[in-house]
Amino acid sequence: MTTEWRKSSRSQGDQQSDCVEARVSEGAFQVRDSKLGDNSPIFDLRASDFTSLLSAAQR
């Protein structure tokens, strides 16, 4: 099962299109650049890698 793309709740205002989108796909995670939309490369991440990405982004 693949879910819809989601942007961060912190993505607001003029910068709304300048963020990363994420979704769940086949029990793992996928991320892409929202500026490029459907033309963006999609990166597949294991759950542990996605958690590390989120932790690094919060710093």
N, C-alpha and C. Protein backbone atom coordinates (compact mmCIF):
# COMPACT_ATOMS: atom_id res chain seq x y z
N MET A 1 0.83 -1.18 0.00
CA MET A 1 0.00 0.00 0.00
C MET A 1 0.88 1.25 0.00
N THR A 2 0.55 2.20 -0.82
CA THR A 2 1.27 3.47 -0.88
C THR A 2 0.32 4.59 -0.49
N THR A 3 0.77 5.43 0.44
CA THR A 3 -0.06 6.55 0.90
C THR A 3 0.19 7.78 0.02
N GLU A 4 -0.59 8.83 0.26
CA GLU A 4 -0.43 10.10 -0.46
C GLU A 4 0.83 10.82 0.03
N TRP A 5 1.38 11.68 -0.81
CA TRP A 5 2.52 12.51 -0.42
C TRP A 5 2.08 13.49 0.66
N ARG A 6 2.95 13.71 1.66
CA ARG A 6 2.66 14.66 2.74
C ARG A 6 3.83 15.61 2.91
N LYS A 7 3.50 16.89 3.13
CA LYS A 7 4.52 17.91 3.43
C LYS A 7 4.53 18.15 4.93
N SER A 8 5.60 18.72 5.41
CA SER A 8 5.70 19.08 6.81
C SER A 8 4.63 20.10 7.18
N SER A 9 4.11 19.99 8.38
CA SER A 9 3.14 20.98 8.86
C SER A 9 3.81 22.34 9.05
N ARG A 10 5.12 22.37 9.10
CA ARG A 10 5.86 23.63 9.24
C ARG A 10 6.06 24.33 7.90
N SER A 11 5.68 23.70 6.82
CA SER A 11 5.82 24.28 5.50
C SER A 11 4.66 25.24 5.26
N GLN A 12 4.97 26.54 5.30
CA GLN A 12 3.93 27.56 5.18
C GLN A 12 4.43 28.72 4.33
N GLY A 13 3.50 29.57 3.95
CA GLY A 13 3.84 30.83 3.26
C GLY A 13 4.48 30.63 1.91
N ASP A 14 5.35 31.57 1.55
CA ASP A 14 6.00 31.56 0.24
C ASP A 14 6.90 30.36 0.05
N GLN A 15 7.40 29.78 1.12
CA GLN A 15 8.31 28.65 1.02
C GLN A 15 7.58 27.31 0.96
N GLN A 16 6.26 27.33 0.85
CA GLN A 16 5.47 26.11 0.90
C GLN A 16 5.91 25.08 -0.13
N SER A 17 6.34 25.51 -1.30
CA SER A 17 6.72 24.54 -2.32
C SER A 17 8.18 24.11 -2.19
N ASP A 18 8.92 24.72 -1.27
CA ASP A 18 10.34 24.41 -1.11
C ASP A 18 10.57 23.47 0.06
N CYS A 19 10.07 22.26 -0.06
CA CYS A 19 10.27 21.31 1.02
C CYS A 19 10.32 19.90 0.47
N VAL A 20 10.48 18.99 1.37
CA VAL A 20 10.51 17.57 1.04
C VAL A 20 9.14 16.98 1.35
N GLU A 21 8.68 16.10 0.50
CA GLU A 21 7.45 15.38 0.75
C GLU A 21 7.80 13.93 1.06
N ALA A 22 6.97 13.29 1.87
CA ALA A 22 7.22 11.90 2.23
C ALA A 22 5.93 11.10 2.16
N ARG A 23 6.09 9.80 1.97
CA ARG A 23 4.95 8.89 2.01
C ARG A 23 5.43 7.50 2.39
N VAL A 24 4.48 6.67 2.81
CA VAL A 24 4.76 5.27 3.13
C VAL A 24 4.49 4.46 1.88
N SER A 25 5.40 3.55 1.57
CA SER A 25 5.22 2.68 0.42
C SER A 25 5.80 1.31 0.72
N GLU A 26 4.95 0.31 0.67
CA GLU A 26 5.38 -1.06 0.89
C GLU A 26 6.13 -1.24 2.21
N GLY A 27 5.67 -0.56 3.26
CA GLY A 27 6.27 -0.71 4.58
C GLY A 27 7.55 0.07 4.79
N ALA A 28 7.98 0.83 3.79
CA ALA A 28 9.17 1.68 3.91
C ALA A 28 8.72 3.12 3.65
N PHE A 29 9.67 4.01 3.47
CA PHE A 29 9.34 5.41 3.23
C PHE A 29 9.96 5.88 1.93
N GLN A 30 9.30 6.85 1.31
CA GLN A 30 9.82 7.49 0.11
C GLN A 30 9.81 8.99 0.34
N VAL A 31 10.82 9.67 -0.19
CA VAL A 31 10.89 11.13 -0.11
C VAL A 31 11.17 11.68 -1.50
N ARG A 32 10.69 12.92 -1.72
CA ARG A 32 10.95 13.61 -2.98
C ARG A 32 10.96 15.11 -2.73
N ASP A 33 11.44 15.86 -3.70
CA ASP A 33 11.49 17.32 -3.66
C ASP A 33 10.15 17.86 -4.15
N SER A 34 9.46 18.61 -3.31
CA SER A 34 8.14 19.10 -3.69
C SER A 34 8.18 20.12 -4.82
N LYS A 35 9.31 20.82 -4.99
CA LYS A 35 9.41 21.80 -6.09
C LYS A 35 9.30 21.10 -7.44
N LEU A 36 9.80 19.88 -7.52
CA LEU A 36 9.80 19.15 -8.78
C LEU A 36 8.57 18.28 -8.97
N GLY A 37 7.83 18.04 -7.89
CA GLY A 37 6.60 17.25 -7.97
C GLY A 37 6.82 15.90 -8.62
N ASP A 38 6.00 15.58 -9.61
CA ASP A 38 6.09 14.28 -10.27
C ASP A 38 7.38 14.10 -11.05
N ASN A 39 8.12 15.18 -11.30
CA ASN A 39 9.40 15.09 -12.01
C ASN A 39 10.57 14.83 -11.07
N SER A 40 10.32 14.82 -9.77
CA SER A 40 11.37 14.62 -8.79
C SER A 40 11.80 13.16 -8.72
N PRO A 41 13.10 12.94 -8.54
CA PRO A 41 13.50 11.56 -8.22
C PRO A 41 12.90 11.17 -6.88
N ILE A 42 12.59 9.92 -6.71
CA ILE A 42 12.03 9.40 -5.46
C ILE A 42 13.09 8.53 -4.79
N PHE A 43 13.34 8.83 -3.52
CA PHE A 43 14.33 8.09 -2.76
C PHE A 43 13.63 7.15 -1.79
N ASP A 44 13.98 5.87 -1.86
CA ASP A 44 13.42 4.86 -0.97
C ASP A 44 14.29 4.75 0.27
N LEU A 45 13.67 4.81 1.45
CA LEU A 45 14.39 4.75 2.72
C LEU A 45 13.80 3.68 3.62
N ARG A 46 14.67 2.98 4.34
CA ARG A 46 14.20 2.09 5.39
C ARG A 46 13.70 2.96 6.54
N ALA A 47 12.89 2.38 7.40
CA ALA A 47 12.33 3.13 8.53
C ALA A 47 13.43 3.76 9.38
N SER A 48 14.51 3.04 9.63
CA SER A 48 15.60 3.58 10.45
C SER A 48 16.29 4.76 9.77
N ASP A 49 16.42 4.70 8.45
CA ASP A 49 17.03 5.82 7.71
C ASP A 49 16.12 7.04 7.73
N PHE A 50 14.82 6.82 7.60
CA PHE A 50 13.87 7.94 7.63
C PHE A 50 13.87 8.61 9.00
N THR A 51 13.92 7.81 10.05
CA THR A 51 14.00 8.35 11.41
C THR A 51 15.26 9.17 11.60
N SER A 52 16.38 8.68 11.08
CA SER A 52 17.64 9.44 11.17
C SER A 52 17.55 10.75 10.40
N LEU A 53 16.91 10.73 9.24
CA LEU A 53 16.72 11.94 8.45
C LEU A 53 15.91 12.97 9.23
N LEU A 54 14.82 12.52 9.84
CA LEU A 54 13.99 13.44 10.63
C LEU A 54 14.75 14.00 11.82
N SER A 55 15.53 13.19 12.48
CA SER A 55 16.33 13.65 13.62
C SER A 55 17.34 14.70 13.19
N ALA A 56 18.00 14.47 12.08
CA ALA A 56 18.99 15.42 11.58
C ALA A 56 18.33 16.74 11.16
N ALA A 57 17.14 16.67 10.59
CA ALA A 57 16.43 17.88 10.15
C ALA A 57 15.98 18.75 11.31
N GLN A 58 15.77 18.15 12.48
CA GLN A 58 15.31 18.90 13.64
C GLN A 58 16.42 19.68 14.30
N ARG A 59 17.64 19.40 13.97
CA ARG A 59 18.78 20.10 14.58
C ARG A 59 18.98 21.47 14.04
